[in-house]
Protein backbone atom coordinates (compact mmCIF):
# COMPACT_ATOMS: atom_id res chain seq x y z
CA UNK A 1 35.98 3.55 65.95
CA UNK A 2 38.70 1.03 66.06
CA UNK A 3 38.24 -2.63 67.10
CA UNK A 4 41.11 -4.59 68.57
CA UNK A 5 41.52 -8.32 68.77
CA UNK A 6 44.99 -10.07 69.14
CA UNK A 7 47.05 -6.93 68.71
CA UNK A 8 44.84 -6.35 65.29
CA UNK A 9 42.84 -3.34 64.89
CA UNK A 10 40.43 -1.91 62.09
CA UNK A 11 40.31 1.70 61.85
CA UNK A 12 37.55 3.41 59.88
CA UNK A 13 38.69 5.42 57.46
CA UNK A 14 36.06 7.17 55.27
CA UNK A 15 33.07 6.60 53.12
CA UNK A 16 32.52 6.20 49.42
CA UNK A 17 29.34 6.91 47.67
CA UNK A 18 25.96 8.36 47.52
CA UNK A 19 22.47 7.34 46.00
CA UNK A 20 22.62 8.23 42.32
CA UNK A 21 21.48 6.49 38.89
CA UNK A 22 24.41 7.85 37.15
CA UNK A 23 27.50 10.20 37.84
CA UNK A 24 29.05 10.23 41.19
CA UNK A 25 27.37 7.66 43.26
CA UNK A 26 26.01 4.47 43.26
CA UNK A 27 22.61 2.45 42.82
CA UNK A 28 22.23 -0.64 44.97
CA UNK A 29 26.17 -1.37 44.46
CA UNK A 30 27.01 -5.27 44.73
CA UNK A 31 30.51 -5.62 44.43
CA UNK A 32 33.73 -3.97 43.99
CA UNK A 33 37.15 -4.63 42.50
CA UNK A 34 40.45 -2.64 42.73
CA UNK A 35 42.38 -2.28 39.21
CA UNK A 36 45.92 -2.80 38.88
CA UNK A 37 46.54 1.08 39.18
CA UNK A 38 44.31 1.32 42.18
CA UNK A 39 41.17 2.42 40.71
CA UNK A 40 37.81 0.99 41.98
CA UNK A 41 35.22 -0.86 39.79
CA UNK A 42 31.79 -0.97 41.38
CA UNK A 43 29.15 -3.11 40.17
CA UNK A 44 25.47 -1.05 40.57
CA UNK A 45 22.43 -3.24 40.30
CA UNK A 46 19.87 -0.62 40.65
CA UNK A 47 16.19 -1.76 40.57
CA UNK A 48 14.62 -3.81 37.63
CA UNK A 49 12.23 -0.70 36.63
CA UNK A 50 15.35 1.54 36.68
CA UNK A 51 17.83 0.13 34.11
CA UNK A 52 19.43 3.57 33.66
CA UNK A 53 21.15 2.88 37.11
CA UNK A 54 22.63 -0.22 36.04
CA UNK A 55 26.40 0.51 35.38
CA UNK A 56 29.90 -0.24 36.25
CA UNK A 57 31.04 3.05 38.28
CA UNK A 58 35.03 4.02 38.00
CA UNK A 59 36.31 6.04 40.66
CA UNK A 60 39.38 6.15 42.90
CA UNK A 61 39.59 5.47 46.82
CA UNK A 62 39.67 9.31 47.39
CA UNK A 63 36.02 9.64 45.93
CA UNK A 64 37.53 11.16 42.21
CA UNK A 65 34.83 10.21 39.87
CA UNK A 66 36.43 8.68 36.71
CA UNK A 67 33.26 7.36 34.56
CA UNK A 68 31.15 4.87 34.04
CA UNK A 69 30.18 2.14 31.66
CA UNK A 70 28.08 -1.13 30.41
CA UNK A 71 24.74 0.76 31.06
CA UNK A 72 21.66 -1.12 31.81
CA UNK A 73 19.32 -2.06 29.22
CA UNK A 74 16.11 -0.59 28.64
CA UNK A 75 13.58 -3.48 29.27
CA UNK A 76 9.78 -3.53 28.28
CA UNK A 77 8.78 -6.41 30.17
CA UNK A 78 10.99 -9.58 30.90
CA UNK A 79 10.16 -11.12 27.81
CA UNK A 80 11.74 -8.02 25.83
CA UNK A 81 15.09 -7.69 27.20
CA UNK A 82 17.55 -6.11 25.36
CA UNK A 83 20.75 -8.33 24.82
CA UNK A 84 23.16 -5.77 23.22
CA UNK A 85 27.10 -6.07 23.68
CA UNK A 86 28.16 -4.63 26.88
CA UNK A 87 24.56 -4.24 28.19
CA UNK A 88 23.52 -5.47 32.08
CA UNK A 89 20.34 -6.67 33.22
CA UNK A 90 21.16 -8.36 36.47
CA UNK A 91 24.98 -7.88 36.96
CA UNK A 92 26.69 -9.87 40.27
CA UNK A 93 30.67 -9.21 40.28
CA UNK A 94 33.57 -7.88 38.62
CA UNK A 95 37.01 -9.13 38.29
CA UNK A 96 40.28 -7.67 36.95
CA UNK A 97 42.74 -9.74 34.84
CA UNK A 98 46.60 -9.29 34.78
CA UNK A 99 46.01 -7.09 31.63
CA UNK A 100 43.74 -4.87 33.81
CA UNK A 101 40.76 -5.82 31.50
CA UNK A 102 37.51 -5.85 33.32
CA UNK A 103 35.31 -9.01 33.34
CA UNK A 104 31.31 -8.52 34.68
CA UNK A 105 29.08 -11.26 35.03
CA UNK A 106 25.21 -11.24 34.49
CA UNK A 107 23.23 -13.77 36.22
CA UNK A 108 20.00 -12.88 34.00
CA UNK A 109 22.15 -12.75 30.65
CA UNK A 110 24.20 -15.98 32.06
CA UNK A 111 27.18 -14.50 30.35
CA UNK A 112 30.57 -12.56 31.30
CA UNK A 113 31.17 -9.14 29.35
CA UNK A 114 34.73 -8.14 29.18
CA UNK A 115 35.78 -4.60 28.80
CA UNK A 116 39.28 -2.58 28.64
CA UNK A 117 40.15 -0.49 31.77
CA UNK A 118 38.57 2.31 30.53
CA UNK A 119 35.26 0.80 29.77
CA UNK A 120 35.35 -0.21 26.01
CA UNK A 121 33.49 -3.30 25.31
CA UNK A 122 35.89 -6.28 24.25
CA UNK A 123 33.72 -9.31 23.81
CA UNK A 124 31.19 -11.74 25.69
CA UNK A 125 30.72 -15.33 26.35
CA UNK A 126 28.67 -18.02 28.25
CA UNK A 127 25.28 -19.48 27.61
CA UNK A 128 22.63 -21.15 30.02
CA UNK A 129 22.72 -24.44 31.02
CA UNK A 130 24.40 -27.21 33.17
CA UNK A 131 26.97 -28.80 30.95
CA UNK A 132 30.47 -28.27 31.26
CA UNK A 133 31.45 -24.34 30.40
CA UNK A 134 27.82 -23.52 30.60
CA UNK A 135 26.31 -21.43 33.22
CA UNK A 136 23.38 -20.85 35.56
CA UNK A 137 23.47 -17.87 37.74
CA UNK A 138 27.02 -16.71 37.41
CA UNK A 139 27.75 -14.99 40.95
CA UNK A 140 31.06 -14.33 42.43
CA UNK A 141 34.28 -14.18 40.10
CA UNK A 142 38.07 -14.45 40.72
CA UNK A 143 41.46 -14.78 38.86
CA UNK A 144 43.89 -17.48 39.93
CA UNK A 145 47.74 -17.38 39.71
CA UNK A 146 47.60 -18.52 36.02
CA UNK A 147 45.19 -15.44 35.02
CA UNK A 148 42.36 -18.17 34.92
CA UNK A 149 38.96 -17.12 35.65
CA UNK A 150 37.17 -18.86 38.63
CA UNK A 151 33.24 -18.57 38.59
CA UNK A 152 30.62 -19.42 40.85
CA UNK A 153 27.89 -21.10 39.19
CA UNK A 154 25.35 -20.40 41.66
CA UNK A 155 22.39 -22.39 40.39
CA UNK A 156 24.61 -25.28 39.31
CA UNK A 157 26.09 -25.50 42.64
CA UNK A 158 29.67 -25.43 41.34
CA UNK A 159 32.90 -23.68 40.85
CA UNK A 160 34.01 -23.69 37.14
CA UNK A 161 37.17 -22.71 35.64
CA UNK A 162 37.90 -20.82 32.48
CA UNK A 163 40.61 -19.21 30.54
CA UNK A 164 40.64 -15.35 30.39
CA UNK A 165 39.02 -15.85 26.82
CA UNK A 166 35.96 -18.23 27.96
CA UNK A 167 37.63 -21.74 27.32
CA UNK A 168 36.19 -24.00 29.87
CA UNK A 169 38.91 -25.81 31.84
CA UNK A 170 37.41 -27.65 34.91
CA UNK A 171 34.50 -27.82 37.27
CA UNK A 172 34.14 -28.82 40.85
CA UNK A 173 31.22 -28.84 43.35
CA UNK A 174 28.04 -30.78 44.13
CA UNK A 175 24.80 -29.56 45.85
CA UNK A 176 24.09 -30.27 49.31
CA UNK A 177 24.94 -29.24 52.82
CA UNK A 178 27.69 -31.88 53.74
CA UNK A 179 31.64 -31.08 53.66
CA UNK A 180 32.57 -29.62 50.31
CA UNK A 181 29.07 -29.45 48.93
CA UNK A 182 27.66 -26.39 48.20
CA UNK A 183 24.03 -24.83 48.20
CA UNK A 184 23.39 -21.51 46.20
CA UNK A 185 27.18 -20.48 46.59
CA UNK A 186 27.90 -16.75 45.74
CA UNK A 187 31.26 -15.09 46.75
CA UNK A 188 34.92 -16.63 45.74
CA UNK A 189 38.59 -15.26 46.70
CA UNK A 190 41.82 -17.03 46.32
CA UNK A 191 44.77 -16.58 48.81
CA UNK A 192 48.42 -16.45 48.13
CA UNK A 193 48.76 -19.98 48.10
CA UNK A 194 46.23 -20.52 45.56
CA UNK A 195 43.50 -21.89 47.93
CA UNK A 196 39.71 -21.16 46.99
CA UNK A 197 37.21 -19.73 49.47
CA UNK A 198 33.64 -19.79 48.78
CA UNK A 199 30.68 -17.98 50.49
CA UNK A 200 28.27 -20.65 50.43
CA UNK A 201 25.15 -18.54 50.75
CA UNK A 202 22.36 -21.10 51.43
CA UNK A 203 24.46 -23.19 53.90
CA UNK A 204 25.54 -20.19 55.84
CA UNK A 205 29.24 -20.72 55.85
CA UNK A 206 32.43 -20.28 54.37
CA UNK A 207 34.30 -23.30 53.07
CA UNK A 208 38.10 -23.69 52.04
CA UNK A 209 39.07 -25.74 49.21
CA UNK A 210 42.61 -26.53 47.19
CA UNK A 211 42.88 -25.28 44.00
CA UNK A 212 41.28 -28.31 42.37
CA UNK A 213 38.43 -28.31 44.49
CA UNK A 214 39.45 -30.56 47.52
CA UNK A 215 37.63 -29.64 50.73
CA UNK A 216 39.80 -28.33 53.56
CA UNK A 217 37.84 -26.39 56.03
CA UNK A 218 34.65 -24.50 56.98
CA UNK A 219 33.99 -21.46 58.97
CA UNK A 220 30.44 -20.68 60.41
CA UNK A 221 27.24 -21.97 61.30
CA UNK A 222 24.08 -20.77 60.95
CA UNK A 223 22.87 -17.78 63.43
CA UNK A 224 23.01 -14.33 64.65
CA UNK A 225 25.86 -14.67 67.44
CA UNK A 226 29.69 -13.95 67.03
CA UNK A 227 31.27 -16.13 64.54
CA UNK A 228 27.86 -17.35 62.89
CA UNK A 229 26.62 -16.44 59.61
CA UNK A 230 23.16 -15.72 57.84
CA UNK A 231 23.28 -15.76 54.14
CA UNK A 232 27.08 -14.64 53.54
CA UNK A 233 27.48 -12.91 50.09
CA UNK A 234 31.27 -12.22 49.71
CA UNK A 235 34.84 -13.30 51.27
CA UNK A 236 38.45 -12.06 50.69
CA UNK A 237 41.64 -12.99 52.14
CA UNK A 238 44.52 -10.39 53.02
CA UNK A 239 48.17 -11.06 52.93
CA UNK A 240 48.42 -12.16 56.36
CA UNK A 241 45.51 -14.88 55.81
CA UNK A 242 42.88 -13.06 57.79
CA UNK A 243 39.68 -14.05 56.10
CA UNK A 244 36.95 -11.23 55.72
CA UNK A 245 33.14 -12.45 55.50
CA UNK A 246 30.42 -10.01 54.17
CA UNK A 247 27.71 -11.44 56.53
CA UNK A 248 24.83 -9.90 54.46
CA UNK A 249 21.95 -11.29 56.68
CA UNK A 250 23.18 -10.01 59.92
CA UNK A 251 24.73 -6.56 58.33
CA UNK A 252 27.88 -6.94 59.34
CA UNK A 253 31.65 -7.94 58.71
CA UNK A 254 33.33 -10.82 60.46
CA UNK A 255 37.02 -11.51 60.28
CA UNK A 256 38.36 -14.67 61.02
CA UNK A 257 41.92 -15.81 61.42
CA UNK A 258 43.41 -18.54 59.34
CA UNK A 259 42.46 -21.19 61.35
CA UNK A 260 38.81 -20.13 61.39
CA UNK A 261 38.67 -18.83 64.81
CA UNK A 262 36.63 -15.16 65.05
CA UNK A 263 38.98 -12.38 65.39
CA UNK A 264 36.57 -9.60 65.13
CA UNK A 265 33.50 -8.21 64.17
CA UNK A 266 32.64 -4.67 62.44
CA UNK A 267 28.86 -3.14 62.52
CA UNK A 268 29.52 0.14 60.57
CA UNK A 269 31.13 3.33 61.45
CA UNK A 270 29.98 5.79 58.34
CA UNK A 271 30.46 9.35 57.93
CA UNK A 272 29.05 11.74 55.22
CA UNK A 273 31.14 10.86 52.00
CA UNK A 274 32.86 13.45 50.05
CA UNK A 275 30.13 13.01 47.36
CA UNK A 276 27.33 13.32 49.98
CA UNK A 277 28.39 16.53 51.27
CA UNK A 278 28.73 18.02 47.95
CA UNK A 279 25.10 17.27 47.60
CA UNK A 280 24.06 18.35 50.88
CA UNK A 281 25.95 21.90 50.27
CA UNK A 282 24.07 22.47 47.14
CA UNK A 283 20.69 22.13 49.00
CA UNK A 284 20.61 23.88 52.48
CA UNK A 285 17.00 22.32 52.94
CA UNK A 286 18.66 18.95 52.95
CA UNK A 287 20.88 19.56 55.98
CA UNK A 288 17.97 20.90 57.53
CA UNK A 289 16.14 17.82 57.23
CA UNK A 290 18.80 15.58 58.29
CA UNK A 291 19.00 17.69 61.43
CA UNK A 292 15.28 16.67 62.26
CA UNK A 293 15.43 13.26 61.20
CA UNK A 294 14.65 10.31 63.50
CA UNK A 295 17.30 7.45 63.62
CA UNK A 296 19.70 9.35 62.06
CA UNK A 297 22.32 7.95 64.55
CA UNK A 298 21.81 4.30 62.79
CA UNK A 299 22.66 5.66 59.55
CA UNK A 300 26.62 4.75 60.60
CA UNK A 301 25.46 1.15 60.69
CA UNK A 302 26.12 -1.53 57.67
CA UNK A 303 22.82 -2.08 55.92
CA UNK A 304 23.00 -4.69 53.10
CA UNK A 305 26.78 -5.21 53.55
CA UNK A 306 26.83 -7.61 50.37
CA UNK A 307 30.60 -7.18 49.47
CA UNK A 308 33.91 -7.28 50.87
CA UNK A 309 37.46 -6.50 48.96
CA UNK A 310 40.92 -5.97 50.57
CA UNK A 311 44.14 -4.65 48.99
CA UNK A 312 47.65 -5.04 49.64
CA UNK A 313 47.91 -1.88 51.38
CA UNK A 314 45.80 -2.99 54.44
CA UNK A 315 42.39 -1.21 53.49
CA UNK A 316 39.14 -3.13 53.67
CA UNK A 317 36.22 -2.09 51.24
CA UNK A 318 32.67 -3.07 52.58
CA UNK A 319 29.97 -2.38 49.90
CA UNK A 320 26.70 -1.59 51.26
CA UNK A 321 23.70 -2.09 48.72
CA UNK A 322 20.81 -0.46 50.60
CA UNK A 323 22.75 2.62 51.85
CA UNK A 324 24.62 3.05 48.21
CA UNK A 325 28.01 3.37 49.48
CA UNK A 326 31.40 1.68 50.47
CA UNK A 327 32.82 2.00 54.04
CA UNK A 328 36.62 1.68 53.98
CA UNK A 329 38.46 0.51 56.82
CA UNK A 330 42.63 0.10 57.71
CA UNK A 331 44.05 -2.98 59.31
CA UNK A 332 46.65 -1.96 61.58
CA UNK A 333 49.28 -4.20 62.87
CA UNK A 334 51.09 -3.60 65.92
CA UNK A 335 55.01 -3.07 65.48
CA UNK A 336 57.69 -3.82 68.09
CA UNK A 337 61.29 -2.59 68.54
CA UNK A 338 64.19 -3.65 70.35
CA UNK A 339 65.17 -6.75 71.91
CA UNK A 340 63.21 -9.58 73.47
CA UNK A 341 60.87 -8.70 76.63
């Protein structure tokens, strides 16, 4: 289904994923980043009792499975976690630098792990605390034009800027609900002008700041109506300035103009993915079970829409944690030919 507002349409393309603890598929995915070569890196958070599902999956937009890395640690209770280099406990986000290196944030370990584009571990940095350069539940990450890493320091209600090697540069943000204040912020993105957008989770809004943290505008109020937000978790901005917000509590993606006015709302159009079809084709009984399942028509809808990523080709990737998949849309902009009407 294509939704149309102000001449722009958002056309559903296809779905990527299926529920798996390893191999082709995802387990409670929470974020995705697009590599410089178009490769996709998907963060799988999995369950606390299934650390084998915690990993970064590498695939393509056409569902070619490439591999996985950064496996979750085996725990025996919360006091005996293994903190080996490159391991994950509660991964939250992923970001790619200009050299195609992959950065993964972990809110339990309060650290950033670095990998090559192929998944080889490079290093780590980060310690728990409230001081400059320390972290309290790092969540969203984004690189700026200078290849510095912006990190949403969620429990400290601030944004910190680091070099890509983890050297502290600056910070901004205060706890609260006023303009420019934050309450358990989560997602982050930058636009082509260097402005910073924060998914201000507990305040049910998205805020826009200058690169040095000066408040510019806010989008959204608490609620379920169109244009309202309920615990937004992710935000991204396309080349035309449209703002995409993963409205997690409302199971939808909302799209706003650069002025903050609502443009469109997407609620999901999923079809069976290629990976999903492969699994079903291998077991006829599963096809039969689907045919008799009640409520199967709701399978197309977003459930746990927790992440959003847009690319320069006008594709929108919506990460659904509860359905172990990513729905892909394409933005269609009208083209006009000839002289003035």
